[in-house]
Amino acid sequence: MSKNQCQIHDLPAMAEPLSPVDVIWQRRNRIRRILKRRMNYLKNMFSEMTSSDKTKPAASVKMQSAAERLKAGDMVRVKSKEEILRTLNRWNQLNRCSFMEEMWPHCGTKQRVLRRVEKFLDERDYLIKKCKGILILDGVMCEGTKDFGACDRACFFFWREEWLEKVDANSKF
């Protein structure tokens, strides 16, 4: 690997080959996930067409000024499940940022902001995307999902500023 090349290009070479049984199981699970997503999409489309209430209203969330915005090192409280649910649409998103099921256990906890996210690599299409109002919290990482199982990659969750509340470092909230 050259010095300036990203590791993502070398992942196939680093990975151990899968057994034929593992390949079959991976393909089976991939097909199941695709079908599940499509069924959920169709179910949501059908419910939108048949319901009189076209949208789930999200709570009004005021945008913070630059001085009020959270920054690296700030102590925050992750809002409660009820507070976060009020901000989410029917797809568990706020401004197209999903709140994953694996993030619920962190609700109500006190965390430290690791950094603001202004750009990230979208691995679905390998493009750099810009974003606003997204933070990562120190030590709060994904360890796998219900759909995909355990994972050793240790990706950070993306947290919307609206889901966090600044607290005093000495407070017990």
C-alpha atoms as a PDB file:
ATOM      1  CA  MET A   1       0.000   0.000   0.000  1.00  0.00           C
ATOM      2  CA  SER A   2       1.420   3.393  -0.935  1.00  0.00           C
ATOM      3  CA  LYS A   3       1.796   6.047   1.742  1.00  0.00           C
ATOM      4  CA  ASN A   4      -0.977   8.324   0.466  1.00  0.00           C
ATOM      5  CA  GLN A   5      -3.501   5.678  -0.517  1.00  0.00           C
ATOM      6  CA  CYS A   6      -6.581   5.086   1.595  1.00  0.00           C
ATOM      7  CA  GLN A   7      -6.883   1.679   3.283  1.00  0.00           C
ATOM      8  CA  ILE A   8     -10.347   1.133   1.833  1.00  0.00           C
ATOM      9  CA  HIS A   9      -8.788   0.034  -1.466  1.00  0.00           C
ATOM     10  CA  ASP A  10      -6.791  -2.699   0.300  1.00  0.00           C
ATOM     11  CA  LEU A  11      -9.680  -4.190   2.288  1.00  0.00           C
ATOM     12  CA  PRO A  12     -10.310  -7.090  -0.127  1.00  0.00           C
ATOM     13  CA  ALA A  13      -6.650  -8.099   0.085  1.00  0.00           C
ATOM     14  CA  MET A  14      -6.599  -7.891   3.903  1.00  0.00           C
ATOM     15  CA  ALA A  15      -9.738  -9.967   4.402  1.00  0.00           C
ATOM     16  CA  GLU A  16      -9.575 -13.714   4.819  1.00  0.00           C
ATOM     17  CA  PRO A  17     -11.391 -15.687   2.138  1.00  0.00           C
ATOM     18  CA  LEU A  18     -14.863 -16.916   3.065  1.00  0.00           C
ATOM     19  CA  SER A  19     -15.930 -20.523   2.923  1.00  0.00           C
ATOM     20  CA  PRO A  20     -18.623 -21.405   0.340  1.00  0.00           C
ATOM     21  CA  VAL A  21     -21.143 -21.828   3.167  1.00  0.00           C
ATOM     22  CA  ASP A  22     -20.356 -18.337   4.507  1.00  0.00           C
ATOM     23  CA  VAL A  23     -20.792 -16.853   1.031  1.00  0.00           C
ATOM     24  CA  ILE A  24     -24.221 -18.481   0.697  1.00  0.00           C
ATOM     25  CA  TRP A  25     -25.292 -17.209   4.147  1.00  0.00           C
ATOM     26  CA  GLN A  26     -24.063 -13.687   3.337  1.00  0.00           C
ATOM     27  CA  ARG A  27     -26.016 -13.634   0.080  1.00  0.00           C
ATOM     28  CA  ARG A  28     -29.116 -15.039   1.796  1.00  0.00           C
ATOM     29  CA  ASN A  29     -28.944 -12.397   4.529  1.00  0.00           C
ATOM     30  CA  ARG A  30     -28.343  -9.640   1.983  1.00  0.00           C
ATOM     31  CA  ILE A  31     -31.415 -10.681   0.006  1.00  0.00           C
ATOM     32  CA  ARG A  32     -33.472 -10.814   3.222  1.00  0.00           C
ATOM     33  CA  ARG A  33     -32.340  -7.275   4.164  1.00  0.00           C
ATOM     34  CA  ILE A  34     -33.179  -5.955   0.693  1.00  0.00           C
ATOM     35  CA  LEU A  35     -36.614  -7.553   0.754  1.00  0.00           C
ATOM     36  CA  LYS A  36     -37.261  -6.298   4.284  1.00  0.00           C
ATOM     37  CA  ARG A  37     -36.314  -2.728   3.279  1.00  0.00           C
ATOM     38  CA  ARG A  38     -38.511  -2.865   0.188  1.00  0.00           C
ATOM     39  CA  MET A  39     -41.454  -4.259   2.136  1.00  0.00           C
ATOM     40  CA  ASN A  40     -41.079  -1.508   4.753  1.00  0.00           C
ATOM     41  CA  TYR A  41     -40.896   1.082   1.992  1.00  0.00           C
ATOM     42  CA  LEU A  42     -44.063  -0.265   0.370  1.00  0.00           C
ATOM     43  CA  LYS A  43     -45.814  -0.469   3.739  1.00  0.00           C
ATOM     44  CA  ASN A  44     -44.905   3.174   4.472  1.00  0.00           C
ATOM     45  CA  MET A  45     -46.022   4.283   1.012  1.00  0.00           C
ATOM     46  CA  PHE A  46     -49.331   2.455   1.434  1.00  0.00           C
ATOM     47  CA  SER A  47     -49.897   3.908   4.907  1.00  0.00           C
ATOM     48  CA  GLU A  48     -49.161   7.418   3.576  1.00  0.00           C
ATOM     49  CA  MET A  49     -51.709   6.970   0.789  1.00  0.00           C
ATOM     50  CA  THR A  50     -54.411   5.641   3.100  1.00  0.00           C
ATOM     51  CA  SER A  51     -53.905   7.820   6.177  1.00  0.00           C
ATOM     52  CA  SER A  52     -55.592  11.176   6.565  1.00  0.00           C
ATOM     53  CA  ASP A  53     -52.615  12.476   8.539  1.00  0.00           C
ATOM     54  CA  LYS A  54     -49.953  12.741   5.829  1.00  0.00           C
ATOM     55  CA  THR A  55     -46.985  13.527   8.059  1.00  0.00           C
ATOM     56  CA  LYS A  56     -45.876  12.891  11.575  1.00  0.00           C
ATOM     57  CA  PRO A  57     -45.184  16.373  12.899  1.00  0.00           C
ATOM     58  CA  ALA A  58     -41.738  16.784  14.358  1.00  0.00           C
ATOM     59  CA  ALA A  59     -41.199  19.011  17.344  1.00  0.00           C
ATOM     60  CA  SER A  60     -40.136  22.514  16.525  1.00  0.00           C
ATOM     61  CA  VAL A  61     -36.415  22.710  17.089  1.00  0.00           C
ATOM     62  CA  LYS A  62     -34.737  26.096  17.209  1.00  0.00           C
ATOM     63  CA  MET A  63     -31.413  26.454  15.472  1.00  0.00           C
ATOM     64  CA  GLN A  64     -28.574  27.599  17.710  1.00  0.00           C
ATOM     65  CA  SER A  65     -26.360  30.571  16.970  1.00  0.00           C
ATOM     66  CA  ALA A  66     -22.668  29.928  16.321  1.00  0.00           C
ATOM     67  CA  ALA A  67     -21.836  30.965  19.910  1.00  0.00           C
ATOM     68  CA  GLU A  68     -24.345  28.474  21.387  1.00  0.00           C
ATOM     69  CA  ARG A  69     -23.289  25.517  19.239  1.00  0.00           C
ATOM     70  CA  LEU A  70     -21.685  22.528  20.911  1.00  0.00           C
ATOM     71  CA  LYS A  71     -17.967  22.016  20.384  1.00  0.00           C
ATOM     72  CA  ALA A  72     -15.299  19.437  21.167  1.00  0.00           C
ATOM     73  CA  GLY A  73     -14.841  18.955  24.910  1.00  0.00           C
ATOM     74  CA  ASP A  74     -18.326  20.138  25.920  1.00  0.00           C
ATOM     75  CA  MET A  75     -20.225  17.931  28.341  1.00  0.00           C
ATOM     76  CA  VAL A  76     -23.708  17.015  27.135  1.00  0.00           C
ATOM     77  CA  ARG A  77     -26.696  15.016  28.267  1.00  0.00           C
ATOM     78  CA  VAL A  78     -28.285  12.821  25.630  1.00  0.00           C
ATOM     79  CA  LYS A  79     -31.962  13.720  25.819  1.00  0.00           C
ATOM     80  CA  SER A  80     -34.536  11.203  27.007  1.00  0.00           C
ATOM     81  CA  LYS A  81     -36.225   8.757  24.668  1.00  0.00           C
ATOM     82  CA  GLU A  82     -39.467  10.760  24.784  1.00  0.00           C
ATOM     83  CA  GLU A  83     -37.694  14.033  23.930  1.00  0.00           C
ATOM     84  CA  ILE A  84     -35.863  12.444  21.002  1.00  0.00           C
ATOM     85  CA  LEU A  85     -38.964  10.658  19.702  1.00  0.00           C
ATOM     86  CA  ARG A  86     -40.714  14.038  19.417  1.00  0.00           C
ATOM     87  CA  THR A  87     -38.026  15.196  16.967  1.00  0.00           C
ATOM     88  CA  LEU A  88     -38.128  12.118  14.704  1.00  0.00           C
ATOM     89  CA  ASN A  89     -40.275  11.507  11.642  1.00  0.00           C
ATOM     90  CA  ARG A  90     -41.847   8.131  10.833  1.00  0.00           C
ATOM     91  CA  TRP A  91     -38.501   6.805   9.560  1.00  0.00           C
ATOM     92  CA  ASN A  92     -36.729   7.706  12.849  1.00  0.00           C
ATOM     93  CA  GLN A  93     -34.894  10.581  11.181  1.00  0.00           C
ATOM     94  CA  LEU A  94     -34.281  14.235  11.885  1.00  0.00           C
ATOM     95  CA  ASN A  95     -32.965  16.223   8.921  1.00  0.00           C
ATOM     96  CA  ARG A  96     -32.184  12.914   7.165  1.00  0.00           C
ATOM     97  CA  CYS A  97     -29.999  11.690  10.071  1.00  0.00           C
ATOM     98  CA  SER A  98     -31.295   8.395  11.442  1.00  0.00           C
ATOM     99  CA  PHE A  99     -31.563   7.614  15.121  1.00  0.00           C
ATOM    100  CA  MET A 100     -30.508   3.971  15.278  1.00  0.00           C
ATOM    101  CA  GLU A 101     -32.094   1.486  17.647  1.00  0.00           C
ATOM    102  CA  GLU A 102     -28.648   0.851  19.141  1.00  0.00           C
ATOM    103  CA  MET A 103     -28.473   4.498  20.288  1.00  0.00           C
ATOM    104  CA  TRP A 104     -31.434   4.245  22.706  1.00  0.00           C
ATOM    105  CA  PRO A 105     -29.381   2.861  25.655  1.00  0.00           C
ATOM    106  CA  HIS A 106     -27.367   6.110  25.671  1.00  0.00           C
ATOM    107  CA  CYS A 107     -30.460   8.273  26.284  1.00  0.00           C
ATOM    108  CA  GLY A 108     -30.226  10.213  29.538  1.00  0.00           C
ATOM    109  CA  THR A 109     -26.483   9.671  29.905  1.00  0.00           C
ATOM    110  CA  LYS A 110     -23.810  12.317  30.289  1.00  0.00           C
ATOM    111  CA  GLN A 111     -21.195  12.300  27.513  1.00  0.00           C
ATOM    112  CA  ARG A 112     -18.326  14.433  26.192  1.00  0.00           C
ATOM    113  CA  VAL A 113     -18.373  15.793  22.634  1.00  0.00           C
ATOM    114  CA  LEU A 114     -15.387  14.389  20.735  1.00  0.00           C
ATOM    115  CA  ARG A 115     -15.820  16.597  17.644  1.00  0.00           C
ATOM    116  CA  ARG A 116     -18.185  18.218  15.186  1.00  0.00           C
ATOM    117  CA  VAL A 117     -18.663  16.472  11.852  1.00  0.00           C
ATOM    118  CA  GLU A 118     -18.577  18.781   8.837  1.00  0.00           C
ATOM    119  CA  LYS A 119     -17.723  16.147   6.189  1.00  0.00           C
ATOM    120  CA  PHE A 120     -17.750  12.345   6.058  1.00  0.00           C
ATOM    121  CA  LEU A 121     -17.119   9.555   3.567  1.00  0.00           C
ATOM    122  CA  ASP A 122     -20.329   7.859   2.481  1.00  0.00           C
ATOM    123  CA  GLU A 123     -19.173   4.302   1.889  1.00  0.00           C
ATOM    124  CA  ARG A 124     -22.228   3.453  -0.208  1.00  0.00           C
ATOM    125  CA  ASP A 125     -20.964   5.600  -3.084  1.00  0.00           C
ATOM    126  CA  TYR A 126     -17.468   6.594  -1.841  1.00  0.00           C
ATOM    127  CA  LEU A 127     -18.244  10.314  -1.981  1.00  0.00           C
ATOM    128  CA  ILE A 128     -17.385  12.952   0.593  1.00  0.00           C
ATOM    129  CA  LYS A 129     -20.619  14.470   1.941  1.00  0.00           C
ATOM    130  CA  LYS A 130     -21.056  17.749   3.828  1.00  0.00           C
ATOM    131  CA  CYS A 131     -23.330  18.015   6.853  1.00  0.00           C
ATOM    132  CA  LYS A 132     -24.382  20.458   9.579  1.00  0.00           C
ATOM    133  CA  GLY A 133     -25.389  19.954  13.189  1.00  0.00           C
ATOM    134  CA  ILE A 134     -23.810  16.488  13.558  1.00  0.00           C
ATOM    135  CA  LEU A 135     -21.512  15.505  16.433  1.00  0.00           C
ATOM    136  CA  ILE A 136     -19.695  12.403  17.596  1.00  0.00           C
ATOM    137  CA  LEU A 137     -19.428  11.599  21.279  1.00  0.00           C
ATOM    138  CA  ASP A 138     -16.285  10.348  22.967  1.00  0.00           C
ATOM    139  CA  GLY A 139     -16.369   6.563  23.384  1.00  0.00           C
ATOM    140  CA  VAL A 140     -19.969   6.112  22.165  1.00  0.00           C
ATOM    141  CA  MET A 141     -19.561   3.623  19.329  1.00  0.00           C
ATOM    142  CA  CYS A 142     -21.611   1.096  17.440  1.00  0.00           C
ATOM    143  CA  GLU A 143     -20.807  -2.509  18.274  1.00  0.00           C
ATOM    144  CA  GLY A 144     -23.093  -4.018  15.672  1.00  0.00           C
ATOM    145  CA  THR A 145     -26.773  -3.942  14.841  1.00  0.00           C
ATOM    146  CA  LYS A 146     -29.764  -6.184  15.242  1.00  0.00           C
ATOM    147  CA  ASP A 147     -29.937  -6.691  11.460  1.00  0.00           C
ATOM    148  CA  PHE A 148     -26.224  -7.283  10.789  1.00  0.00           C
ATOM    149  CA  GLY A 149     -25.015  -8.772  14.067  1.00  0.00           C
ATOM    150  CA  ALA A 150     -21.855  -8.040  16.020  1.00  0.00           C
ATOM    151  CA  CYS A 151     -19.144  -5.947  14.385  1.00  0.00           C
ATOM    152  CA  ASP A 152     -15.555  -5.171  15.368  1.00  0.00           C
ATOM    153  CA  ARG A 153     -15.258  -2.011  13.289  1.00  0.00           C
ATOM    154  CA  ALA A 154     -16.123   0.462  16.104  1.00  0.00           C
ATOM    155  CA  CYS A 155     -17.883   3.201  14.101  1.00  0.00           C
ATOM    156  CA  PHE A 156     -19.042   6.340  15.885  1.00  0.00           C
ATOM    157  CA  PHE A 157     -22.747   7.130  16.001  1.00  0.00           C
ATOM    158  CA  PHE A 158     -23.798  10.419  14.388  1.00  0.00           C
ATOM    159  CA  TRP A 159     -25.730  12.568  16.884  1.00  0.00           C
ATOM    160  CA  ARG A 160     -27.829  15.585  15.891  1.00  0.00           C
ATOM    161  CA  GLU A 161     -27.289  18.646  18.103  1.00  0.00           C
ATOM    162  CA  GLU A 162     -31.035  18.647  18.744  1.00  0.00           C
ATOM    163  CA  TRP A 163     -30.709  15.311  20.577  1.00  0.00           C
ATOM    164  CA  LEU A 164     -28.099  16.705  22.991  1.00  0.00           C
ATOM    165  CA  GLU A 165     -28.207  19.279  25.751  1.00  0.00           C
ATOM    166  CA  LYS A 166     -25.148  21.076  27.111  1.00  0.00           C
ATOM    167  CA  VAL A 167     -24.556  20.543  30.832  1.00  0.00           C
ATOM    168  CA  ASP A 168     -22.047  21.839  33.328  1.00  0.00           C
ATOM    169  CA  ALA A 169     -19.072  19.495  33.626  1.00  0.00           C
ATOM    170  CA  ASN A 170     -19.647  19.211  37.403  1.00  0.00           C
ATOM    171  CA  SER A 171     -23.409  18.765  37.296  1.00  0.00           C
ATOM    172  CA  LYS A 172     -25.098  15.440  37.929  1.00  0.00           C
ATOM    173  CA  PHE A 173     -28.063  16.544  35.753  1.00  0.00           C
END
